[in-house]
């Protein structure tokens, strides 16, 4: 089941990569692509380290914290998110 769930996560990957390339200026597409993944991986690493500390407190605290961040991100997107027109 873990491999199936991990595979489902990858469905959006080609779309995300295409969006990054479409929104990047022509003269620095490779740099913007790398910058996106650098920033993303820094945040993922910090979150994983924070999750490890929260797990030492309690697995329930870890789950509740993840839930709160997920809800706040969803609400933030619902309120402030907007459609980006990338096709010319």
PDB file of N, CA and C in Angstrom:
ATOM      1  N   UNK A   1       0.836  -1.206   0.000  1.00  0.00           N
ATOM      2  CA  UNK A   1       0.000   0.000   0.000  1.00  0.00           C
ATOM      3  C   UNK A   1       0.868   1.252   0.000  1.00  0.00           C
ATOM      4  N   UNK A   2       1.992   1.224   0.699  1.00  0.00           N
ATOM      5  CA  UNK A   2       2.867   2.396   0.748  1.00  0.00           C
ATOM      6  C   UNK A   2       3.377   2.749  -0.645  1.00  0.00           C
ATOM      7  N   UNK A   3       3.729   1.738  -1.440  1.00  0.00           N
ATOM      8  CA  UNK A   3       4.217   1.998  -2.788  1.00  0.00           C
ATOM      9  C   UNK A   3       3.109   2.549  -3.684  1.00  0.00           C
ATOM     10  N   UNK A   4       1.897   2.084  -3.489  1.00  0.00           N
ATOM     11  CA  UNK A   4       0.760   2.597  -4.262  1.00  0.00           C
ATOM     12  C   UNK A   4       0.523   4.067  -3.917  1.00  0.00           C
ATOM     13  N   UNK A   5       0.505   4.376  -2.639  1.00  0.00           N
ATOM     14  CA  UNK A   5       0.299   5.775  -2.237  1.00  0.00           C
ATOM     15  C   UNK A   5       1.419   6.671  -2.751  1.00  0.00           C
ATOM     16  N   UNK A   6       2.637   6.209  -2.678  1.00  0.00           N
ATOM     17  CA  UNK A   6       3.776   6.988  -3.182  1.00  0.00           C
ATOM     18  C   UNK A   6       3.641   7.202  -4.685  1.00  0.00           C
ATOM     19  N   UNK A   7       3.186   6.201  -5.394  1.00  0.00           N
ATOM     20  CA  UNK A   7       2.987   6.332  -6.832  1.00  0.00           C
ATOM     21  C   UNK A   7       1.897   7.328  -7.176  1.00  0.00           C
ATOM     22  N   UNK A   8       0.834   7.364  -6.378  1.00  0.00           N
ATOM     23  CA  UNK A   8      -0.242   8.326  -6.629  1.00  0.00           C
ATOM     24  C   UNK A   8       0.243   9.762  -6.482  1.00  0.00           C
ATOM     25  N   UNK A   9       1.207   9.987  -5.615  1.00  0.00           N
ATOM     26  CA  UNK A   9       1.752  11.329  -5.412  1.00  0.00           C
ATOM     27  C   UNK A   9       2.411  11.852  -6.692  1.00  0.00           C
ATOM     28  N   UNK A  10       2.925  10.947  -7.498  1.00  0.00           N
ATOM     29  CA  UNK A  10       3.675  11.346  -8.681  1.00  0.00           C
ATOM     30  C   UNK A  10       2.794  11.744  -9.864  1.00  0.00           C
ATOM     31  N   UNK A  11       1.480  11.622  -9.744  1.00  0.00           N
ATOM     32  CA  UNK A  11       0.601  11.989 -10.860  1.00  0.00           C
ATOM     33  C   UNK A  11       0.750  13.444 -11.266  1.00  0.00           C
ATOM     34  N   UNK A  12       0.946  14.338 -10.316  1.00  0.00           N
ATOM     35  CA  UNK A  12       1.038  15.758 -10.636  1.00  0.00           C
ATOM     36  C   UNK A  12       2.415  16.227 -11.037  1.00  0.00           C
ATOM     37  N   UNK A  13       3.409  15.368 -10.964  1.00  0.00           N
ATOM     38  CA  UNK A  13       4.790  15.788 -11.215  1.00  0.00           C
ATOM     39  C   UNK A  13       5.023  16.326 -12.628  1.00  0.00           C
ATOM     40  N   UNK A  14       4.590  15.664 -13.706  1.00  0.00           N
ATOM     41  CA  UNK A  14       4.809  16.243 -15.044  1.00  0.00           C
ATOM     42  C   UNK A  14       4.126  17.599 -15.219  1.00  0.00           C
ATOM     43  N   UNK A  15       2.945  17.749 -14.651  1.00  0.00           N
ATOM     44  CA  UNK A  15       2.236  19.020 -14.745  1.00  0.00           C
ATOM     45  C   UNK A  15       2.982  20.108 -14.007  1.00  0.00           C
ATOM     46  N   UNK A  16       3.492  19.796 -12.831  1.00  0.00           N
ATOM     47  CA  UNK A  16       4.245  20.785 -12.041  1.00  0.00           C
ATOM     48  C   UNK A  16       5.503  21.219 -12.783  1.00  0.00           C
ATOM     49  N   UNK A  17       6.206  20.261 -13.360  1.00  0.00           N
ATOM     50  CA  UNK A  17       7.418  20.587 -14.104  1.00  0.00           C
ATOM     51  C   UNK A  17       7.100  21.463 -15.316  1.00  0.00           C
ATOM     52  N   UNK A  18       6.022  21.144 -16.015  1.00  0.00           N
ATOM     53  CA  UNK A  18       5.626  21.944 -17.174  1.00  0.00           C
ATOM     54  C   UNK A  18       5.242  23.354 -16.755  1.00  0.00           C
ATOM     55  N   UNK A  19       4.558  23.490 -15.630  1.00  0.00           N
ATOM     56  CA  UNK A  19       4.162  24.813 -15.149  1.00  0.00           C
ATOM     57  C   UNK A  19       5.381  25.647 -14.777  1.00  0.00           C
ATOM     58  N   UNK A  20       6.361  25.027 -14.118  1.00  0.00           N
ATOM     59  CA  UNK A  20       7.588  25.749 -13.771  1.00  0.00           C
ATOM     60  C   UNK A  20       8.268  26.249 -15.038  1.00  0.00           C
ATOM     61  N   UNK A  21       8.367  25.400 -16.034  1.00  0.00           N
ATOM     62  CA  UNK A  21       9.033  25.787 -17.281  1.00  0.00           C
ATOM     63  C   UNK A  21       8.256  26.859 -18.031  1.00  0.00           C
ATOM     64  N   UNK A  22       6.928  26.788 -18.026  1.00  0.00           N
ATOM     65  CA  UNK A  22       6.118  27.791 -18.714  1.00  0.00           C
ATOM     66  C   UNK A  22       6.210  29.160 -18.047  1.00  0.00           C
ATOM     67  N   UNK A  23       6.311  29.195 -16.734  1.00  0.00           N
ATOM     68  CA  UNK A  23       6.338  30.466 -16.014  1.00  0.00           C
ATOM     69  C   UNK A  23       7.740  31.069 -15.906  1.00  0.00           C
ATOM     70  N   UNK A  24       8.758  30.300 -16.233  1.00  0.00           N
ATOM     71  CA  UNK A  24      10.137  30.785 -16.132  1.00  0.00           C
ATOM     72  C   UNK A  24      10.495  31.625 -17.345  1.00  0.00           C
ATOM     73  N   UNK A  25      11.321  32.671 -17.131  1.00  0.00           N
ATOM     74  CA  UNK A  25      11.819  33.439 -18.281  1.00  0.00           C
ATOM     75  C   UNK A  25      12.668  32.549 -19.191  1.00  0.00           C
ATOM     76  N   UNK A  26      12.665  32.843 -20.472  1.00  0.00           N
ATOM     77  CA  UNK A  26      13.358  31.994 -21.443  1.00  0.00           C
ATOM     78  C   UNK A  26      14.859  31.880 -21.183  1.00  0.00           C
ATOM     79  N   UNK A  27      15.471  32.922 -20.679  1.00  0.00           N
ATOM     80  CA  UNK A  27      16.926  32.916 -20.524  1.00  0.00           C
ATOM     81  C   UNK A  27      17.417  32.167 -19.277  1.00  0.00           C
ATOM     82  N   UNK A  28      16.508  31.750 -18.386  1.00  0.00           N
ATOM     83  CA  UNK A  28      16.978  31.060 -17.170  1.00  0.00           C
ATOM     84  C   UNK A  28      16.035  29.939 -16.726  1.00  0.00           C
ATOM     85  N   UNK A  29      15.516  29.191 -17.661  1.00  0.00           N
ATOM     86  CA  UNK A  29      14.587  28.101 -17.325  1.00  0.00           C
ATOM     87  C   UNK A  29      15.243  27.043 -16.449  1.00  0.00           C
ATOM     88  N   UNK A  30      16.463  26.628 -16.786  1.00  0.00           N
ATOM     89  CA  UNK A  30      17.133  25.586 -15.997  1.00  0.00           C
ATOM     90  C   UNK A  30      17.409  26.075 -14.575  1.00  0.00           C
ATOM     91  N   UNK A  31      17.822  27.323 -14.448  1.00  0.00           N
ATOM     92  CA  UNK A  31      18.090  27.883 -13.123  1.00  0.00           C
ATOM     93  C   UNK A  31      16.835  27.979 -12.276  1.00  0.00           C
ATOM     94  N   UNK A  32      15.734  28.368 -12.864  1.00  0.00           N
ATOM     95  CA  UNK A  32      14.476  28.468 -12.124  1.00  0.00           C
ATOM     96  C   UNK A  32      13.975  27.089 -11.710  1.00  0.00           C
ATOM     97  N   UNK A  33      14.169  26.112 -12.580  1.00  0.00           N
ATOM     98  CA  UNK A  33      13.778  24.746 -12.271  1.00  0.00           C
ATOM     99  C   UNK A  33      14.571  24.237 -11.068  1.00  0.00           C
ATOM    100  N   UNK A  34      15.872  24.461 -11.088  1.00  0.00           N
ATOM    101  CA  UNK A  34      16.718  24.060  -9.970  1.00  0.00           C
ATOM    102  C   UNK A  34      16.390  24.814  -8.699  1.00  0.00           C
ATOM    103  N   UNK A  35      16.105  26.111  -8.816  1.00  0.00           N
ATOM    104  CA  UNK A  35      15.766  26.925  -7.652  1.00  0.00           C
ATOM    105  C   UNK A  35      14.475  26.439  -7.005  1.00  0.00           C
ATOM    106  N   UNK A  36      13.491  26.084  -7.824  1.00  0.00           N
ATOM    107  CA  UNK A  36      12.236  25.562  -7.290  1.00  0.00           C
ATOM    108  C   UNK A  36      12.490  24.329  -6.433  1.00  0.00           C
ATOM    109  N   UNK A  37      13.250  23.374  -6.977  1.00  0.00           N
ATOM    110  CA  UNK A  37      13.493  22.133  -6.242  1.00  0.00           C
ATOM    111  C   UNK A  37      14.397  22.361  -5.033  1.00  0.00           C
ATOM    112  N   UNK A  38      15.311  23.315  -5.098  1.00  0.00           N
ATOM    113  CA  UNK A  38      16.132  23.640  -3.930  1.00  0.00           C
ATOM    114  C   UNK A  38      15.260  24.168  -2.794  1.00  0.00           C
ATOM    115  N   UNK A  39      14.402  25.137  -3.108  1.00  0.00           N
ATOM    116  CA  UNK A  39      13.527  25.722  -2.086  1.00  0.00           C
ATOM    117  C   UNK A  39      12.578  24.664  -1.535  1.00  0.00           C
ATOM    118  N   UNK A  40      12.000  23.874  -2.420  1.00  0.00           N
ATOM    119  CA  UNK A  40      11.074  22.828  -1.979  1.00  0.00           C
ATOM    120  C   UNK A  40      11.767  21.822  -1.060  1.00  0.00           C
ATOM    121  N   UNK A  41      12.953  21.383  -1.437  1.00  0.00           N
ATOM    122  CA  UNK A  41      13.658  20.383  -0.639  1.00  0.00           C
ATOM    123  C   UNK A  41      14.133  20.944   0.692  1.00  0.00           C
ATOM    124  N   UNK A  42      14.469  22.227   0.743  1.00  0.00           N
ATOM    125  CA  UNK A  42      14.839  22.843   2.029  1.00  0.00           C
ATOM    126  C   UNK A  42      13.641  22.808   2.973  1.00  0.00           C
ATOM    127  N   UNK A  43      12.474  23.192   2.485  1.00  0.00           N
ATOM    128  CA  UNK A  43      11.279  23.172   3.325  1.00  0.00           C
ATOM    129  C   UNK A  43      10.906  21.749   3.748  1.00  0.00           C
ATOM    130  N   UNK A  44      11.031  20.794   2.835  1.00  0.00           N
ATOM    131  CA  UNK A  44      10.721  19.404   3.169  1.00  0.00           C
ATOM    132  C   UNK A  44      11.685  18.889   4.232  1.00  0.00           C
ATOM    133  N   UNK A  45      12.957  19.228   4.122  1.00  0.00           N
ATOM    134  CA  UNK A  45      13.944  18.786   5.110  1.00  0.00           C
ATOM    135  C   UNK A  45      13.680  19.387   6.478  1.00  0.00           C
ATOM    136  N   UNK A  46      13.353  20.671   6.509  1.00  0.00           N
ATOM    137  CA  UNK A  46      13.041  21.323   7.786  1.00  0.00           C
ATOM    138  C   UNK A  46      11.784  20.706   8.397  1.00  0.00           C
ATOM    139  N   UNK A  47      10.785  20.433   7.569  1.00  0.00           N
ATOM    140  CA  UNK A  47       9.555  19.816   8.077  1.00  0.00           C
ATOM    141  C   UNK A  47       9.822  18.413   8.615  1.00  0.00           C
ATOM    142  N   UNK A  48      10.679  17.658   7.948  1.00  0.00           N
ATOM    143  CA  UNK A  48      11.003  16.312   8.425  1.00  0.00           C
ATOM    144  C   UNK A  48      11.738  16.372   9.758  1.00  0.00           C
ATOM    145  N   UNK A  49      12.650  17.323   9.898  1.00  0.00           N
ATOM    146  CA  UNK A  49      13.359  17.479  11.166  1.00  0.00           C
ATOM    147  C   UNK A  49      12.389  17.897  12.278  1.00  0.00           C
ATOM    148  N   UNK A  50      11.499  18.822  11.957  1.00  0.00           N
ATOM    149  CA  UNK A  50      10.484  19.227  12.936  1.00  0.00           C
ATOM    150  C   UNK A  50       9.573  18.074  13.305  1.00  0.00           C
ATOM    151  N   UNK A  51       9.215  17.256  12.323  1.00  0.00           N
ATOM    152  CA  UNK A  51       8.381  16.088  12.597  1.00  0.00           C
ATOM    153  C   UNK A  51       9.068  15.092  13.518  1.00  0.00           C
ATOM    154  N   UNK A  52      10.387  14.964  13.369  1.00  0.00           N
ATOM    155  CA  UNK A  52      11.130  14.056  14.243  1.00  0.00           C
ATOM    156  C   UNK A  52      11.083  14.547  15.691  1.00  0.00           C
ATOM    157  N   UNK A  53      11.222  15.857  15.881  1.00  0.00           N
ATOM    158  CA  UNK A  53      11.134  16.406  17.237  1.00  0.00           C
ATOM    159  C   UNK A  53       9.723  16.252  17.810  1.00  0.00           C
ATOM    160  N   UNK A  54       8.716  16.507  16.981  1.00  0.00           N
ATOM    161  CA  UNK A  54       7.340  16.358  17.447  1.00  0.00           C
ATOM    162  C   UNK A  54       7.027  14.896  17.786  1.00  0.00           C
ATOM    163  N   UNK A  55       7.586  13.958  17.032  1.00  0.00           N
ATOM    164  CA  UNK A  55       7.348  12.543  17.283  1.00  0.00           C
ATOM    165  C   UNK A  55       7.880  12.143  18.654  1.00  0.00           C
ATOM    166  N   UNK A  56       8.989  12.774  19.071  1.00  0.00           N
ATOM    167  CA  UNK A  56       9.537  12.463  20.394  1.00  0.00           C
ATOM    168  C   UNK A  56       8.614  12.936  21.503  1.00  0.00           C
ATOM    169  N   UNK A  57       7.857  13.990  21.228  1.00  0.00           N
ATOM    170  CA  UNK A  57       6.858  14.425  22.211  1.00  0.00           C
ATOM    171  C   UNK A  57       5.729  13.396  22.245  1.00  0.00           C
ATOM    172  N   UNK A  58       5.166  13.145  21.047  1.00  0.00           N
ATOM    173  CA  UNK A  58       4.081  12.178  20.934  1.00  0.00           C
ATOM    174  C   UNK A  58       3.696  12.040  19.460  1.00  0.00           C
ATOM    175  N   UNK A  59       3.400  10.838  19.002  1.00  0.00           N
ATOM    176  CA  UNK A  59       2.925  10.688  17.628  1.00  0.00           C
ATOM    177  C   UNK A  59       1.624  11.467  17.373  1.00  0.00           C
ATOM    178  N   UNK A  60       0.790  11.593  18.399  1.00  0.00           N
ATOM    179  CA  UNK A  60      -0.459  12.342  18.236  1.00  0.00           C
ATOM    180  C   UNK A  60      -0.177  13.822  17.976  1.00  0.00           C
ATOM    181  N   UNK A  61       0.814  14.381  18.663  1.00  0.00           N
ATOM    182  CA  UNK A  61       1.180  15.785  18.446  1.00  0.00           C
ATOM    183  C   UNK A  61       1.665  15.972  17.016  1.00  0.00           C
ATOM    184  N   UNK A  62       2.434  15.016  16.516  1.00  0.00           N
ATOM    185  CA  UNK A  62       2.922  15.073  15.147  1.00  0.00           C
ATOM    186  C   UNK A  62       1.757  15.072  14.154  1.00  0.00           C
ATOM    187  N   UNK A  63       0.801  14.180  14.350  1.00  0.00           N
ATOM    188  CA  UNK A  63      -0.351  14.082  13.458  1.00  0.00           C
ATOM    189  C   UNK A  63      -1.219  15.332  13.529  1.00  0.00           C
ATOM    190  N   UNK A  64      -1.462  15.835  14.708  1.00  0.00           N
ATOM    191  CA  UNK A  64      -2.300  17.031  14.870  1.00  0.00           C
ATOM    192  C   UNK A  64      -1.626  18.242  14.234  1.00  0.00           C
ATOM    193  N   UNK A  65      -0.315  18.369  14.413  1.00  0.00           N
ATOM    194  CA  UNK A  65       0.412  19.482  13.796  1.00  0.00           C
ATOM    195  C   UNK A  65       0.336  19.412  12.275  1.00  0.00           C
ATOM    196  N   UNK A  66       0.521  18.220  11.712  1.00  0.00           N
ATOM    197  CA  UNK A  66       0.409  18.048  10.265  1.00  0.00           C
ATOM    198  C   UNK A  66      -0.995  18.394   9.783  1.00  0.00           C
ATOM    199  N   UNK A  67      -2.000  17.991  10.533  1.00  0.00           N
ATOM    200  CA  UNK A  67      -3.386  18.298  10.183  1.00  0.00           C
ATOM    201  C   UNK A  67      -3.625  19.804  10.173  1.00  0.00           C
ATOM    202  N   UNK A  68      -3.134  20.494  11.197  1.00  0.00           N
ATOM    203  CA  UNK A  68      -3.320  21.953  11.286  1.00  0.00           C
ATOM    204  C   UNK A  68      -2.628  22.658  10.115  1.00  0.00           C
ATOM    205  N   UNK A  69      -1.406  22.245   9.788  1.00  0.00           N
ATOM    206  CA  UNK A  69      -0.720  22.854   8.642  1.00  0.00           C
ATOM    207  C   UNK A  69      -1.456  22.549   7.336  1.00  0.00           C
ATOM    208  N   UNK A  70      -1.978  21.345   7.189  1.00  0.00           N
ATOM    209  CA  UNK A  70      -2.735  20.998   5.986  1.00  0.00           C
ATOM    210  C   UNK A  70      -4.002  21.816   5.840  1.00  0.00           C
ATOM    211  N   UNK A  71      -4.739  21.965   6.924  1.00  0.00           N
ATOM    212  CA  UNK A  71      -5.966  22.771   6.886  1.00  0.00           C
ATOM    213  C   UNK A  71      -5.642  24.238   6.615  1.00  0.00           C
ATOM    214  N   UNK A  72      -4.606  24.765   7.271  1.00  0.00           N
ATOM    215  CA  UNK A  72      -4.263  26.180   7.063  1.00  0.00           C
ATOM    216  C   UNK A  72      -3.811  26.424   5.628  1.00  0.00           C
ATOM    217  N   UNK A  73      -3.086  25.475   5.037  1.00  0.00           N
ATOM    218  CA  UNK A  73      -2.692  25.620   3.639  1.00  0.00           C
ATOM    219  C   UNK A  73      -3.885  25.569   2.698  1.00  0.00           C
ATOM    220  N   UNK A  74      -4.817  24.682   2.978  1.00  0.00           N
ATOM    221  CA  UNK A  74      -6.018  24.576   2.149  1.00  0.00           C
ATOM    222  C   UNK A  74      -6.866  25.842   2.249  1.00  0.00           C
ATOM    223  N   UNK A  75      -7.059  26.333   3.455  1.00  0.00           N
ATOM    224  CA  UNK A  75      -7.841  27.565   3.646  1.00  0.00           C
ATOM    225  C   UNK A  75      -7.122  28.746   3.004  1.00  0.00           C
ATOM    226  N   UNK A  76      -5.800  28.809   3.175  1.00  0.00           N
ATOM    227  CA  UNK A  76      -5.034  29.896   2.554  1.00  0.00           C
ATOM    228  C   UNK A  76      -5.164  29.885   1.045  1.00  0.00           C
ATOM    229  N   UNK A  77      -5.118  28.701   0.445  1.00  0.00           N
ATOM    230  CA  UNK A  77      -5.279  28.621  -1.000  1.00  0.00           C
ATOM    231  C   UNK A  77      -6.690  28.994  -1.419  1.00  0.00           C
ATOM    232  N   UNK A  78      -7.685  28.549  -0.656  1.00  0.00           N
ATOM    233  CA  UNK A  78      -9.078  28.872  -0.992  1.00  0.00           C
ATOM    234  C   UNK A  78      -9.329  30.375  -0.927  1.00  0.00           C
ATOM    235  N   UNK A  79      -8.679  31.047   0.006  1.00  0.00           N
ATOM    236  CA  UNK A  79      -8.898  32.486   0.170  1.00  0.00           C
ATOM    237  C   UNK A  79      -8.020  33.304  -0.780  1.00  0.00           C
ATOM    238  N   UNK A  80      -6.741  32.959  -0.874  1.00  0.00           N
ATOM    239  CA  UNK A  80      -5.799  33.799  -1.614  1.00  0.00           C
ATOM    240  C   UNK A  80      -5.357  33.219  -2.946  1.00  0.00           C
ATOM    241  N   UNK A  81      -5.685  31.961  -3.237  1.00  0.00           N
ATOM    242  CA  UNK A  81      -5.250  31.330  -4.470  1.00  0.00           C
ATOM    243  C   UNK A  81      -5.918  31.976  -5.667  1.00  0.00           C
ATOM    244  N   UNK A  82      -5.227  31.926  -6.774  1.00  0.00           N
ATOM    245  CA  UNK A  82      -5.796  32.484  -8.007  1.00  0.00           C
ATOM    246  C   UNK A  82      -5.325  31.667  -9.183  1.00  0.00           C
ATOM    247  N   UNK A  83      -6.064  31.738 -10.235  1.00  0.00           N
ATOM    248  CA  UNK A  83      -5.714  31.012 -11.455  1.00  0.00           C
ATOM    249  C   UNK A  83      -4.649  31.801 -12.199  1.00  0.00           C
ATOM    250  N   UNK A  84      -3.633  31.098 -12.687  1.00  0.00           N
ATOM    251  CA  UNK A  84      -2.554  31.739 -13.438  1.00  0.00           C
ATOM    252  C   UNK A  84      -2.711  31.342 -14.901  1.00  0.00           C
ATOM    253  N   UNK A  85      -2.815  32.328 -15.753  1.00  0.00           N
ATOM    254  CA  UNK A  85      -2.918  32.066 -17.179  1.00  0.00           C
ATOM    255  C   UNK A  85      -1.517  31.910 -17.747  1.00  0.00           C
ATOM    256  N   UNK A  86      -1.156  30.696 -18.192  1.00  0.00           N
ATOM    257  CA  UNK A  86       0.198  30.470 -18.690  1.00  0.00           C
ATOM    258  C   UNK A  86       0.224  30.305 -20.197  1.00  0.00           C
ATOM    259  N   UNK A  87      -0.895  30.050 -20.802  1.00  0.00           N
ATOM    260  CA  UNK A  87      -0.915  29.863 -22.245  1.00  0.00           C
ATOM    261  C   UNK A  87      -1.113  31.198 -22.937  1.00  0.00           C
ATOM    262  N   UNK A  88      -0.309  31.421 -23.932  1.00  0.00           N
ATOM    263  CA  UNK A  88      -0.336  32.722 -24.617  1.00  0.00           C
ATOM    264  C   UNK A  88      -1.263  32.703 -25.795  1.00  0.00           C
TER     265      UNK A  88
END
